[in-house]
Amino acid sequence: MDVLGNPRRLILIPGQRHDITKAKELAENISNIIVLTDKGYDSNTFVEILESKKCTIVIPPRVNRKTLRDYDKHIYKERHLIECLFSKIKYFRRIFSRFDKVAQTLLSFLSFVGALIWLR
C-alpha cells in the first residue's frame, strides 16, 4: 500500500492460513521503505529480512515475546489507512459476500477493484 492508502500488491492466501506465510513473498522487491504491519507479522526472520533491505520496521511486538522490540507509535497510528482500504474493498458486494469460489477469479476481481480505487 502507498502513502495515500491505495493498494500496490495483492496476494491471496487461504482463509485458514496465517498471513506471515506470504510475508517473505510480499517483501520481495522492496527496499528502504517504512513497513507498517500489525502484530501478526512480528517474526524474527521477517524482521531480519526487512532489516537486511534497510527498511524502517513499525511492527508492534506480540505480548508473549521475550525481548520486546521498540517501534514508533506515532507512525503506527497511520495503520488506519490499511483498515480504510479494507473498508473500500468491502464496498463491493461481490467481495464481502465471496460470490467467487475460485481463488483466481476472486484475485482477478480484487485486482479490478484495486484499479478502481487507484482511479478515484
C-alpha atoms as a PDB file:
ATOM      1  CA  MET A   1       0.000   0.000   0.000  1.00  0.00           C
ATOM      2  CA  ASP A   2       1.212   3.508  -0.707  1.00  0.00           C
ATOM      3  CA  VAL A   3       1.036   6.610   1.494  1.00  0.00           C
ATOM      4  CA  LEU A   4      -2.482   7.507   0.339  1.00  0.00           C
ATOM      5  CA  GLY A   5      -3.925   4.104   1.193  1.00  0.00           C
ATOM      6  CA  ASN A   6      -4.044   2.717  -2.350  1.00  0.00           C
ATOM      7  CA  PRO A   7      -3.217  -0.965  -2.884  1.00  0.00           C
ATOM      8  CA  ARG A   8       0.103  -1.775  -4.512  1.00  0.00           C
ATOM      9  CA  ARG A   9       0.242  -5.557  -4.436  1.00  0.00           C
ATOM     10  CA  LEU A  10      -2.300  -8.261  -3.655  1.00  0.00           C
ATOM     11  CA  ILE A  11      -1.577 -11.854  -2.732  1.00  0.00           C
ATOM     12  CA  LEU A  12      -4.437 -14.194  -1.954  1.00  0.00           C
ATOM     13  CA  ILE A  13      -3.976 -16.837   0.739  1.00  0.00           C
ATOM     14  CA  PRO A  14      -6.417 -19.414   2.105  1.00  0.00           C
ATOM     15  CA  GLY A  15      -8.580 -18.158   4.948  1.00  0.00           C
ATOM     16  CA  GLN A  16      -7.304 -20.775   7.370  1.00  0.00           C
ATOM     17  CA  ARG A  17      -3.613 -19.832   6.871  1.00  0.00           C
ATOM     18  CA  HIS A  18      -1.742 -17.143   8.756  1.00  0.00           C
ATOM     19  CA  ASP A  19      -0.618 -14.010   6.896  1.00  0.00           C
ATOM     20  CA  ILE A  20       3.045 -14.424   7.852  1.00  0.00           C
ATOM     21  CA  THR A  21       3.307 -17.404   5.468  1.00  0.00           C
ATOM     22  CA  LYS A  22       3.318 -14.986   2.485  1.00  0.00           C
ATOM     23  CA  ALA A  23       5.183 -12.117   4.162  1.00  0.00           C
ATOM     24  CA  LYS A  24       8.502 -13.013   2.549  1.00  0.00           C
ATOM     25  CA  GLU A  25       6.845 -13.004  -0.877  1.00  0.00           C
ATOM     26  CA  LEU A  26       5.270  -9.599  -0.212  1.00  0.00           C
ATOM     27  CA  ALA A  27       8.639  -8.150   0.798  1.00  0.00           C
ATOM     28  CA  GLU A  28      10.486  -9.451  -2.281  1.00  0.00           C
ATOM     29  CA  ASN A  29      11.002  -6.260  -4.273  1.00  0.00           C
ATOM     30  CA  ILE A  30      11.037  -3.640  -1.544  1.00  0.00           C
ATOM     31  CA  SER A  31      13.945  -1.774  -0.037  1.00  0.00           C
ATOM     32  CA  ASN A  32      14.497   1.341   2.021  1.00  0.00           C
ATOM     33  CA  ILE A  33      10.833   1.972   2.911  1.00  0.00           C
ATOM     34  CA  ILE A  34       8.700   2.034   6.060  1.00  0.00           C
ATOM     35  CA  VAL A  35       6.991  -1.304   6.665  1.00  0.00           C
ATOM     36  CA  LEU A  36       3.859  -0.884   8.782  1.00  0.00           C
ATOM     37  CA  THR A  37       2.062  -4.073   9.826  1.00  0.00           C
ATOM     38  CA  ASP A  38       0.171  -5.499  12.765  1.00  0.00           C
ATOM     39  CA  LYS A  39       1.358  -7.929  15.454  1.00  0.00           C
ATOM     40  CA  GLY A  40       0.703 -10.897  13.195  1.00  0.00           C
ATOM     41  CA  TYR A  41       3.879 -10.110  11.258  1.00  0.00           C
ATOM     42  CA  ASP A  42       6.098  -9.986  14.362  1.00  0.00           C
ATOM     43  CA  SER A  43       8.570 -12.697  13.416  1.00  0.00           C
ATOM     44  CA  ASN A  44      12.338 -12.664  13.905  1.00  0.00           C
ATOM     45  CA  THR A  45      13.006 -13.991  10.399  1.00  0.00           C
ATOM     46  CA  PHE A  46      10.691 -11.456   8.755  1.00  0.00           C
ATOM     47  CA  VAL A  47      12.231  -8.595  10.735  1.00  0.00           C
ATOM     48  CA  GLU A  48      15.732  -9.753   9.750  1.00  0.00           C
ATOM     49  CA  ILE A  49      14.723  -9.851   6.079  1.00  0.00           C
ATOM     50  CA  LEU A  50      13.406  -6.293   6.303  1.00  0.00           C
ATOM     51  CA  GLU A  51      16.472  -5.067   8.190  1.00  0.00           C
ATOM     52  CA  SER A  52      18.740  -6.526   5.506  1.00  0.00           C
ATOM     53  CA  LYS A  53      16.796  -4.469   2.951  1.00  0.00           C
ATOM     54  CA  LYS A  54      17.310  -1.305   5.057  1.00  0.00           C
ATOM     55  CA  CYS A  55      13.594  -0.894   5.785  1.00  0.00           C
ATOM     56  CA  THR A  56      12.200   1.009   8.747  1.00  0.00           C
ATOM     57  CA  ILE A  57      10.160  -1.510  10.716  1.00  0.00           C
ATOM     58  CA  VAL A  58       6.989  -0.431  12.512  1.00  0.00           C
ATOM     59  CA  ILE A  59       5.635  -3.700  13.900  1.00  0.00           C
ATOM     60  CA  PRO A  60       4.380  -3.786  17.487  1.00  0.00           C
ATOM     61  CA  PRO A  61       5.738  -6.785  19.420  1.00  0.00           C
ATOM     62  CA  ARG A  62       3.457  -9.623  20.412  1.00  0.00           C
ATOM     63  CA  VAL A  63       2.579  -9.911  24.076  1.00  0.00           C
ATOM     64  CA  ASN A  64       4.348 -13.267  24.515  1.00  0.00           C
ATOM     65  CA  ARG A  65       7.639 -12.029  23.036  1.00  0.00           C
ATOM     66  CA  LYS A  66      10.602 -12.498  25.405  1.00  0.00           C
ATOM     67  CA  THR A  67      12.529  -9.430  24.263  1.00  0.00           C
ATOM     68  CA  LEU A  68      10.225  -6.570  23.370  1.00  0.00           C
ATOM     69  CA  ARG A  69      11.242  -4.626  20.306  1.00  0.00           C
ATOM     70  CA  ASP A  70      10.739  -0.874  20.152  1.00  0.00           C
ATOM     71  CA  TYR A  71       8.575   0.688  17.423  1.00  0.00           C
ATOM     72  CA  ASP A  72       7.437   4.185  16.534  1.00  0.00           C
ATOM     73  CA  LYS A  73       3.936   4.610  17.951  1.00  0.00           C
ATOM     74  CA  HIS A  74       3.328   7.830  16.012  1.00  0.00           C
ATOM     75  CA  ILE A  75       3.934   6.161  12.667  1.00  0.00           C
ATOM     76  CA  TYR A  76       1.831   3.178  13.763  1.00  0.00           C
ATOM     77  CA  LYS A  77      -1.173   5.481  14.082  1.00  0.00           C
ATOM     78  CA  GLU A  78      -1.196   5.629  10.273  1.00  0.00           C
ATOM     79  CA  ARG A  79      -2.296   1.978  10.222  1.00  0.00           C
ATOM     80  CA  HIS A  80      -5.877   3.197   9.994  1.00  0.00           C
ATOM     81  CA  LEU A  81      -5.196   3.662   6.269  1.00  0.00           C
ATOM     82  CA  ILE A  82      -4.936  -0.117   5.944  1.00  0.00           C
ATOM     83  CA  GLU A  83      -8.268  -0.612   7.688  1.00  0.00           C
ATOM     84  CA  CYS A  84      -9.795   2.086   5.465  1.00  0.00           C
ATOM     85  CA  LEU A  85      -8.549   0.181   2.415  1.00  0.00           C
ATOM     86  CA  PHE A  86     -10.331  -2.955   3.649  1.00  0.00           C
ATOM     87  CA  SER A  87     -13.474  -0.849   4.024  1.00  0.00           C
ATOM     88  CA  LYS A  88     -13.119   0.443   0.443  1.00  0.00           C
ATOM     89  CA  ILE A  89     -12.677  -3.093  -0.871  1.00  0.00           C
ATOM     90  CA  LYS A  90     -15.661  -4.420   1.072  1.00  0.00           C
ATOM     91  CA  TYR A  91     -17.820  -1.747  -0.534  1.00  0.00           C
ATOM     92  CA  PHE A  92     -18.100  -4.175  -3.458  1.00  0.00           C
ATOM     93  CA  ARG A  93     -20.711  -6.767  -2.568  1.00  0.00           C
ATOM     94  CA  ARG A  94     -19.116  -9.447  -4.702  1.00  0.00           C
ATOM     95  CA  ILE A  95     -16.044  -9.414  -2.447  1.00  0.00           C
ATOM     96  CA  PHE A  96     -17.536  -9.252   1.036  1.00  0.00           C
ATOM     97  CA  SER A  97     -20.115 -11.944   0.153  1.00  0.00           C
ATOM     98  CA  ARG A  98     -17.410 -14.040  -1.519  1.00  0.00           C
ATOM     99  CA  PHE A  99     -19.500 -14.892  -4.554  1.00  0.00           C
ATOM    100  CA  ASP A 100     -16.396 -16.150  -6.368  1.00  0.00           C
ATOM    101  CA  LYS A 101     -15.446 -19.586  -5.080  1.00  0.00           C
ATOM    102  CA  VAL A 102     -12.401 -19.974  -7.345  1.00  0.00           C
ATOM    103  CA  ALA A 103      -9.311 -18.219  -5.976  1.00  0.00           C
ATOM    104  CA  GLN A 104      -8.125 -16.984  -9.378  1.00  0.00           C
ATOM    105  CA  THR A 105     -11.484 -15.343 -10.099  1.00  0.00           C
ATOM    106  CA  LEU A 106     -11.526 -13.630  -6.706  1.00  0.00           C
ATOM    107  CA  LEU A 107      -7.954 -12.387  -7.140  1.00  0.00           C
ATOM    108  CA  SER A 108      -8.735 -11.005 -10.583  1.00  0.00           C
ATOM    109  CA  PHE A 109     -11.771  -9.125  -9.244  1.00  0.00           C
ATOM    110  CA  LEU A 110      -9.689  -7.837  -6.309  1.00  0.00           C
ATOM    111  CA  SER A 111      -7.178  -6.528  -8.845  1.00  0.00           C
ATOM    112  CA  PHE A 112     -10.009  -4.841 -10.737  1.00  0.00           C
ATOM    113  CA  VAL A 113     -11.245  -3.218  -7.511  1.00  0.00           C
ATOM    114  CA  GLY A 114      -7.685  -2.101  -6.758  1.00  0.00           C
ATOM    115  CA  ALA A 115      -7.550  -0.397 -10.140  1.00  0.00           C
ATOM    116  CA  LEU A 116     -10.868   1.321  -9.450  1.00  0.00           C
ATOM    117  CA  ILE A 117      -9.552   2.575  -6.108  1.00  0.00           C
ATOM    118  CA  TRP A 118      -6.452   3.952  -7.851  1.00  0.00           C
ATOM    119  CA  LEU A 119      -8.633   5.764 -10.409  1.00  0.00           C
ATOM    120  CA  ARG A 120     -10.737   7.590  -7.812  1.00  0.00           C
END
